Amino acid sequence: MKLREGVIENNLIFYERNNQAGPKQSNFSLVKVEDATGLKASLIAALGQKVVVKKQREIWYIDNVKFHIDEVPGLGSFIEIEAGNLLADLSREQLQEQCDFYMNAFGVNAEDLIAISYSDMLLNQSI
């Protein structure tokens, strides 16, 4: 679970996805937050804080495909290609084909793929 605090949006997000290199299905629950600062203080008091991920992100769209272009201090530069099914009634295979097409277009190879989240990567650095 993460609390996203940003200029554009503030959301509490719960993800369900496997840690695996390569394309993966991601299910999530998103709750818009009016008072991110207050919620953050309450969550930290109740549960503690595991890690903070700071990043610069650009978001681009082509139809139902969303591209996250991220710069994460201490980790590097990343692109995430997210073929979504909210705006299009596509099969899992069709969504996979879209991801494969853009991975090829951007020159992303299998060895470039990472299995874990930025937060996991930062936590692994501190071990």
N, C-alpha and C. Protein backbone atom coordinates (compact mmCIF):
# COMPACT_ATOMS: atom_id res chain seq x y z
N MET A 1 0.85 -1.16 0.00
CA MET A 1 0.00 0.00 0.00
C MET A 1 0.90 1.23 0.00
N LYS A 2 0.42 2.27 -0.69
CA LYS A 2 1.20 3.50 -0.68
C LYS A 2 0.25 4.69 -0.67
N LEU A 3 0.77 5.77 -0.15
CA LEU A 3 0.08 7.05 -0.18
C LEU A 3 0.81 7.90 -1.21
N ARG A 4 0.12 8.22 -2.28
CA ARG A 4 0.73 9.07 -3.31
C ARG A 4 0.35 10.52 -3.00
N GLU A 5 1.39 11.32 -2.79
CA GLU A 5 1.21 12.75 -2.55
C GLU A 5 1.81 13.49 -3.72
N GLY A 6 1.00 14.25 -4.42
CA GLY A 6 1.51 14.94 -5.59
C GLY A 6 0.77 16.23 -5.86
N VAL A 7 1.23 16.91 -6.88
CA VAL A 7 0.61 18.16 -7.29
C VAL A 7 -0.72 17.89 -7.97
N ILE A 8 -0.77 16.82 -8.75
CA ILE A 8 -1.97 16.51 -9.53
C ILE A 8 -2.96 15.66 -8.75
N GLU A 9 -2.46 14.72 -7.98
CA GLU A 9 -3.35 13.79 -7.30
C GLU A 9 -2.81 13.37 -5.95
N ASN A 10 -3.73 13.04 -5.06
CA ASN A 10 -3.40 12.47 -3.76
C ASN A 10 -4.30 11.25 -3.59
N ASN A 11 -3.68 10.06 -3.51
CA ASN A 11 -4.44 8.82 -3.44
C ASN A 11 -3.79 7.84 -2.48
N LEU A 12 -4.63 7.05 -1.85
CA LEU A 12 -4.18 5.87 -1.12
C LEU A 12 -4.39 4.70 -2.07
N ILE A 13 -3.34 3.92 -2.32
CA ILE A 13 -3.40 2.89 -3.34
C ILE A 13 -2.93 1.55 -2.76
N PHE A 14 -3.73 0.52 -3.02
CA PHE A 14 -3.36 -0.84 -2.66
C PHE A 14 -3.18 -1.63 -3.94
N TYR A 15 -2.01 -2.26 -4.10
CA TYR A 15 -1.69 -3.04 -5.29
C TYR A 15 -1.70 -4.52 -4.99
N GLU A 16 -2.17 -5.29 -5.95
CA GLU A 16 -2.02 -6.74 -5.94
C GLU A 16 -1.32 -7.10 -7.24
N ARG A 17 -0.04 -7.49 -7.14
CA ARG A 17 0.71 -7.91 -8.32
C ARG A 17 1.88 -8.75 -7.87
N ASN A 18 2.28 -9.65 -8.74
CA ASN A 18 3.40 -10.53 -8.45
C ASN A 18 4.72 -9.81 -8.73
N ASN A 19 5.73 -10.12 -7.93
CA ASN A 19 7.08 -9.66 -8.23
C ASN A 19 7.66 -10.61 -9.27
N GLN A 20 7.71 -10.13 -10.50
CA GLN A 20 8.28 -10.91 -11.58
C GLN A 20 8.81 -9.94 -12.63
N ALA A 21 9.92 -10.28 -13.22
CA ALA A 21 10.45 -9.45 -14.30
C ALA A 21 9.54 -9.62 -15.51
N GLY A 22 9.21 -8.54 -16.13
CA GLY A 22 8.39 -8.60 -17.32
C GLY A 22 6.98 -8.15 -17.07
N PRO A 23 6.19 -8.19 -18.11
CA PRO A 23 4.81 -7.74 -18.00
C PRO A 23 4.07 -8.54 -16.94
N LYS A 24 3.25 -7.85 -16.19
CA LYS A 24 2.50 -8.50 -15.12
C LYS A 24 1.14 -7.85 -14.98
N GLN A 25 0.19 -8.64 -14.58
CA GLN A 25 -1.13 -8.10 -14.31
C GLN A 25 -1.09 -7.39 -12.97
N SER A 26 -1.71 -6.24 -12.91
CA SER A 26 -1.74 -5.46 -11.68
C SER A 26 -3.18 -5.06 -11.38
N ASN A 27 -3.68 -5.50 -10.25
CA ASN A 27 -4.99 -5.08 -9.78
C ASN A 27 -4.76 -4.09 -8.65
N PHE A 28 -5.60 -3.07 -8.59
CA PHE A 28 -5.39 -2.07 -7.55
C PHE A 28 -6.71 -1.48 -7.10
N SER A 29 -6.65 -0.93 -5.92
CA SER A 29 -7.77 -0.19 -5.34
C SER A 29 -7.25 1.20 -5.03
N LEU A 30 -7.93 2.21 -5.53
CA LEU A 30 -7.48 3.59 -5.41
C LEU A 30 -8.55 4.41 -4.70
N VAL A 31 -8.13 5.14 -3.66
CA VAL A 31 -9.04 6.00 -2.92
C VAL A 31 -8.49 7.42 -2.96
N LYS A 32 -9.27 8.34 -3.50
CA LYS A 32 -8.85 9.74 -3.53
C LYS A 32 -8.83 10.28 -2.10
N VAL A 33 -7.81 11.10 -1.80
CA VAL A 33 -7.61 11.61 -0.45
C VAL A 33 -7.65 13.13 -0.49
N GLU A 34 -8.50 13.71 0.32
CA GLU A 34 -8.58 15.17 0.40
C GLU A 34 -7.46 15.75 1.25
N ASP A 35 -7.14 15.09 2.36
CA ASP A 35 -6.13 15.60 3.29
C ASP A 35 -4.99 14.59 3.38
N ALA A 36 -4.11 14.61 2.38
CA ALA A 36 -3.00 13.65 2.34
C ALA A 36 -2.06 13.85 3.51
N THR A 37 -1.82 15.08 3.91
CA THR A 37 -0.90 15.36 5.02
C THR A 37 -1.45 14.78 6.32
N GLY A 38 -2.73 14.97 6.57
CA GLY A 38 -3.35 14.43 7.78
C GLY A 38 -3.40 12.92 7.78
N LEU A 39 -3.75 12.34 6.64
CA LEU A 39 -3.78 10.88 6.54
C LEU A 39 -2.39 10.30 6.73
N LYS A 40 -1.41 10.94 6.13
CA LYS A 40 -0.02 10.48 6.27
C LYS A 40 0.40 10.47 7.74
N ALA A 41 0.11 11.53 8.46
CA ALA A 41 0.47 11.61 9.88
C ALA A 41 -0.21 10.50 10.67
N SER A 42 -1.48 10.24 10.38
CA SER A 42 -2.21 9.19 11.10
C SER A 42 -1.66 7.81 10.77
N LEU A 43 -1.37 7.56 9.48
CA LEU A 43 -0.83 6.26 9.09
C LEU A 43 0.54 6.02 9.70
N ILE A 44 1.39 7.04 9.70
CA ILE A 44 2.73 6.88 10.29
C ILE A 44 2.62 6.61 11.79
N ALA A 45 1.71 7.32 12.48
CA ALA A 45 1.53 7.11 13.92
C ALA A 45 1.05 5.68 14.21
N ALA A 46 0.16 5.18 13.36
CA ALA A 46 -0.42 3.86 13.60
C ALA A 46 0.46 2.72 13.12
N LEU A 47 1.11 2.90 11.96
CA LEU A 47 1.79 1.78 11.31
C LEU A 47 3.29 1.97 11.10
N GLY A 48 3.76 3.19 11.26
CA GLY A 48 5.16 3.49 10.93
C GLY A 48 5.29 3.76 9.44
N GLN A 49 6.50 4.09 9.04
CA GLN A 49 6.76 4.39 7.63
C GLN A 49 7.91 3.51 7.15
N LYS A 50 7.68 2.74 6.12
CA LYS A 50 8.66 1.78 5.63
C LYS A 50 9.71 2.45 4.75
N VAL A 51 9.27 3.23 3.78
CA VAL A 51 10.20 3.87 2.84
C VAL A 51 9.46 5.01 2.14
N VAL A 52 10.22 6.00 1.70
CA VAL A 52 9.67 7.10 0.90
C VAL A 52 10.33 7.05 -0.46
N VAL A 53 9.52 7.04 -1.50
CA VAL A 53 10.01 7.07 -2.88
C VAL A 53 9.73 8.45 -3.44
N LYS A 54 10.81 9.14 -3.79
CA LYS A 54 10.67 10.44 -4.45
C LYS A 54 11.04 10.24 -5.91
N LYS A 55 10.24 10.82 -6.80
CA LYS A 55 10.53 10.64 -8.22
C LYS A 55 9.99 11.82 -9.00
N GLN A 56 10.61 12.03 -10.14
CA GLN A 56 10.09 12.95 -11.14
C GLN A 56 9.43 12.08 -12.19
N ARG A 57 8.18 12.39 -12.54
CA ARG A 57 7.44 11.52 -13.47
C ARG A 57 6.80 12.35 -14.56
N GLU A 58 6.94 11.86 -15.78
CA GLU A 58 6.16 12.36 -16.91
C GLU A 58 5.22 11.24 -17.31
N ILE A 59 3.99 11.60 -17.68
CA ILE A 59 3.01 10.60 -18.11
C ILE A 59 2.55 10.96 -19.52
N TRP A 60 2.56 9.96 -20.39
CA TRP A 60 2.13 10.11 -21.77
C TRP A 60 1.14 9.00 -22.09
N TYR A 61 0.22 9.26 -23.00
CA TYR A 61 -0.77 8.27 -23.41
C TYR A 61 -0.78 8.10 -24.93
N ILE A 62 -0.98 6.88 -25.36
CA ILE A 62 -1.38 6.56 -26.73
C ILE A 62 -2.57 5.63 -26.58
N ASP A 63 -3.75 6.14 -26.89
CA ASP A 63 -5.00 5.40 -26.72
C ASP A 63 -5.11 4.89 -25.28
N ASN A 64 -5.21 3.58 -25.10
CA ASN A 64 -5.37 3.02 -23.75
C ASN A 64 -4.03 2.65 -23.10
N VAL A 65 -2.93 3.03 -23.73
CA VAL A 65 -1.61 2.69 -23.19
C VAL A 65 -1.01 3.93 -22.52
N LYS A 66 -0.59 3.75 -21.30
CA LYS A 66 -0.03 4.82 -20.48
C LYS A 66 1.46 4.56 -20.29
N PHE A 67 2.25 5.61 -20.46
CA PHE A 67 3.70 5.51 -20.32
C PHE A 67 4.14 6.38 -19.15
N HIS A 68 4.78 5.78 -18.17
CA HIS A 68 5.36 6.52 -17.05
C HIS A 68 6.85 6.62 -17.32
N ILE A 69 7.36 7.82 -17.38
CA ILE A 69 8.79 8.03 -17.56
C ILE A 69 9.28 8.64 -16.26
N ASP A 70 10.07 7.87 -15.51
CA ASP A 70 10.44 8.23 -14.14
C ASP A 70 11.94 8.41 -13.99
N GLU A 71 12.29 9.36 -13.14
CA GLU A 71 13.66 9.55 -12.65
C GLU A 71 13.58 9.42 -11.14
N VAL A 72 14.26 8.41 -10.59
CA VAL A 72 14.22 8.14 -9.16
C VAL A 72 15.62 8.34 -8.59
N PRO A 73 15.82 9.36 -7.74
CA PRO A 73 17.14 9.60 -7.16
C PRO A 73 17.68 8.34 -6.48
N GLY A 74 18.92 8.02 -6.77
CA GLY A 74 19.56 6.85 -6.19
C GLY A 74 19.32 5.56 -6.95
N LEU A 75 18.35 5.56 -7.88
CA LEU A 75 18.04 4.34 -8.64
C LEU A 75 18.26 4.51 -10.14
N GLY A 76 17.86 5.66 -10.69
CA GLY A 76 18.05 5.87 -12.12
C GLY A 76 16.78 6.24 -12.84
N SER A 77 16.79 5.98 -14.15
CA SER A 77 15.68 6.33 -15.05
C SER A 77 14.94 5.06 -15.45
N PHE A 78 13.62 5.17 -15.56
CA PHE A 78 12.77 4.02 -15.85
C PHE A 78 11.62 4.41 -16.75
N ILE A 79 11.10 3.44 -17.47
CA ILE A 79 9.84 3.60 -18.20
C ILE A 79 8.94 2.44 -17.84
N GLU A 80 7.69 2.76 -17.60
CA GLU A 80 6.68 1.72 -17.36
C GLU A 80 5.64 1.86 -18.46
N ILE A 81 5.34 0.74 -19.08
CA ILE A 81 4.33 0.70 -20.13
C ILE A 81 3.12 -0.02 -19.56
N GLU A 82 2.00 0.68 -19.49
CA GLU A 82 0.81 0.15 -18.83
C GLU A 82 -0.34 0.13 -19.83
N ALA A 83 -0.70 -1.04 -20.30
CA ALA A 83 -1.84 -1.20 -21.20
C ALA A 83 -3.06 -1.47 -20.33
N GLY A 84 -3.97 -0.51 -20.32
CA GLY A 84 -5.12 -0.60 -19.43
C GLY A 84 -6.38 -1.04 -20.15
N ASN A 85 -7.25 -1.64 -19.38
CA ASN A 85 -8.50 -2.16 -19.93
C ASN A 85 -9.71 -1.35 -19.47
N LEU A 86 -9.49 -0.19 -18.87
CA LEU A 86 -10.61 0.60 -18.39
C LEU A 86 -11.33 1.31 -19.53
N LEU A 87 -10.60 1.72 -20.55
CA LEU A 87 -11.20 2.46 -21.66
C LEU A 87 -11.42 1.59 -22.89
N ALA A 88 -10.90 0.39 -22.88
CA ALA A 88 -11.00 -0.49 -24.05
C ALA A 88 -11.38 -1.89 -23.59
N ASP A 89 -12.19 -2.56 -24.36
CA ASP A 89 -12.59 -3.93 -24.04
C ASP A 89 -11.67 -4.88 -24.78
N LEU A 90 -10.47 -5.05 -24.23
CA LEU A 90 -9.45 -5.87 -24.88
C LEU A 90 -9.15 -7.09 -24.02
N SER A 91 -8.77 -8.16 -24.67
CA SER A 91 -8.40 -9.38 -23.95
C SER A 91 -7.01 -9.20 -23.33
N ARG A 92 -6.68 -10.10 -22.44
CA ARG A 92 -5.34 -10.07 -21.84
C ARG A 92 -4.27 -10.23 -22.91
N GLU A 93 -4.53 -11.07 -23.89
CA GLU A 93 -3.58 -11.28 -24.98
C GLU A 93 -3.38 -10.00 -25.79
N GLN A 94 -4.45 -9.27 -26.05
CA GLN A 94 -4.35 -8.03 -26.80
C GLN A 94 -3.57 -6.97 -26.01
N LEU A 95 -3.81 -6.92 -24.70
CA LEU A 95 -3.06 -5.99 -23.86
C LEU A 95 -1.57 -6.35 -23.86
N GLN A 96 -1.27 -7.65 -23.82
CA GLN A 96 0.11 -8.11 -23.86
C GLN A 96 0.76 -7.73 -25.20
N GLU A 97 0.02 -7.88 -26.28
CA GLU A 97 0.54 -7.50 -27.61
C GLU A 97 0.89 -6.01 -27.65
N GLN A 98 0.06 -5.19 -27.03
CA GLN A 98 0.35 -3.75 -27.00
C GLN A 98 1.65 -3.49 -26.24
N CYS A 99 1.80 -4.12 -25.09
CA CYS A 99 3.03 -3.94 -24.31
C CYS A 99 4.24 -4.40 -25.09
N ASP A 100 4.13 -5.57 -25.70
CA ASP A 100 5.24 -6.09 -26.50
C ASP A 100 5.60 -5.15 -27.64
N PHE A 101 4.60 -4.60 -28.30
CA PHE A 101 4.84 -3.68 -29.41
C PHE A 101 5.66 -2.47 -28.94
N TYR A 102 5.25 -1.86 -27.83
CA TYR A 102 5.95 -0.66 -27.35
C TYR A 102 7.30 -0.99 -26.73
N MET A 103 7.42 -2.16 -26.10
CA MET A 103 8.75 -2.56 -25.60
C MET A 103 9.72 -2.66 -26.77
N ASN A 104 9.28 -3.26 -27.85
CA ASN A 104 10.11 -3.38 -29.05
C ASN A 104 10.42 -2.00 -29.64
N ALA A 105 9.42 -1.15 -29.71
CA ALA A 105 9.61 0.20 -30.27
C ALA A 105 10.62 1.01 -29.47
N PHE A 106 10.63 0.84 -28.14
CA PHE A 106 11.56 1.58 -27.28
C PHE A 106 12.88 0.86 -27.08
N GLY A 107 13.02 -0.33 -27.65
CA GLY A 107 14.26 -1.08 -27.51
C GLY A 107 14.46 -1.65 -26.13
N VAL A 108 13.37 -1.98 -25.45
CA VAL A 108 13.44 -2.58 -24.12
C VAL A 108 13.60 -4.09 -24.29
N ASN A 109 14.68 -4.64 -23.74
CA ASN A 109 14.96 -6.06 -23.83
C ASN A 109 14.57 -6.78 -22.54
N ALA A 110 14.45 -8.08 -22.60
CA ALA A 110 14.05 -8.87 -21.44
C ALA A 110 14.98 -8.63 -20.24
N GLU A 111 16.29 -8.48 -20.50
CA GLU A 111 17.23 -8.26 -19.39
C GLU A 111 17.11 -6.87 -18.77
N ASP A 112 16.37 -5.96 -19.42
CA ASP A 112 16.15 -4.63 -18.87
C ASP A 112 15.01 -4.60 -17.86
N LEU A 113 14.19 -5.63 -17.84
CA LEU A 113 13.00 -5.64 -17.01
C LEU A 113 13.34 -5.91 -15.55
N ILE A 114 12.60 -5.26 -14.66
CA ILE A 114 12.82 -5.46 -13.23
C ILE A 114 11.58 -6.06 -12.60
N ALA A 115 11.79 -6.82 -11.54
CA ALA A 115 10.70 -7.58 -10.93
C ALA A 115 10.05 -6.85 -9.76
N ILE A 116 10.74 -5.90 -9.16
CA ILE A 116 10.26 -5.33 -7.90
C ILE A 116 9.99 -3.83 -8.05
N SER A 117 9.34 -3.29 -7.06
CA SER A 117 8.96 -1.88 -7.07
C SER A 117 10.13 -0.98 -6.68
N TYR A 118 9.97 0.32 -6.92
CA TYR A 118 10.99 1.29 -6.50
C TYR A 118 11.21 1.19 -4.99
N SER A 119 10.13 1.04 -4.23
CA SER A 119 10.27 0.97 -2.78
C SER A 119 11.10 -0.25 -2.37
N ASP A 120 10.85 -1.39 -3.01
CA ASP A 120 11.65 -2.59 -2.72
C ASP A 120 13.11 -2.38 -3.10
N MET A 121 13.34 -1.72 -4.24
CA MET A 121 14.71 -1.46 -4.68
C MET A 121 15.43 -0.56 -3.66
N LEU A 122 14.75 0.46 -3.16
CA LEU A 122 15.36 1.34 -2.16
C LEU A 122 15.60 0.61 -0.85
N LEU A 123 14.67 -0.23 -0.44
CA LEU A 123 14.85 -1.00 0.79
C LEU A 123 16.03 -1.97 0.65
N ASN A 124 16.20 -2.57 -0.53
CA ASN A 124 17.32 -3.48 -0.76
C ASN A 124 18.65 -2.76 -0.68
N GLN A 125 18.69 -1.49 -1.06
CA GLN A 125 19.92 -0.70 -0.97
C GLN A 125 20.34 -0.48 0.48
N SER A 126 19.36 -0.40 1.37
CA SER A 126 19.66 -0.08 2.77
C SER A 126 20.03 -1.30 3.60
N ILE A 127 19.96 -2.49 2.98
CA ILE A 127 20.30 -3.72 3.72
C ILE A 127 21.80 -3.89 3.78
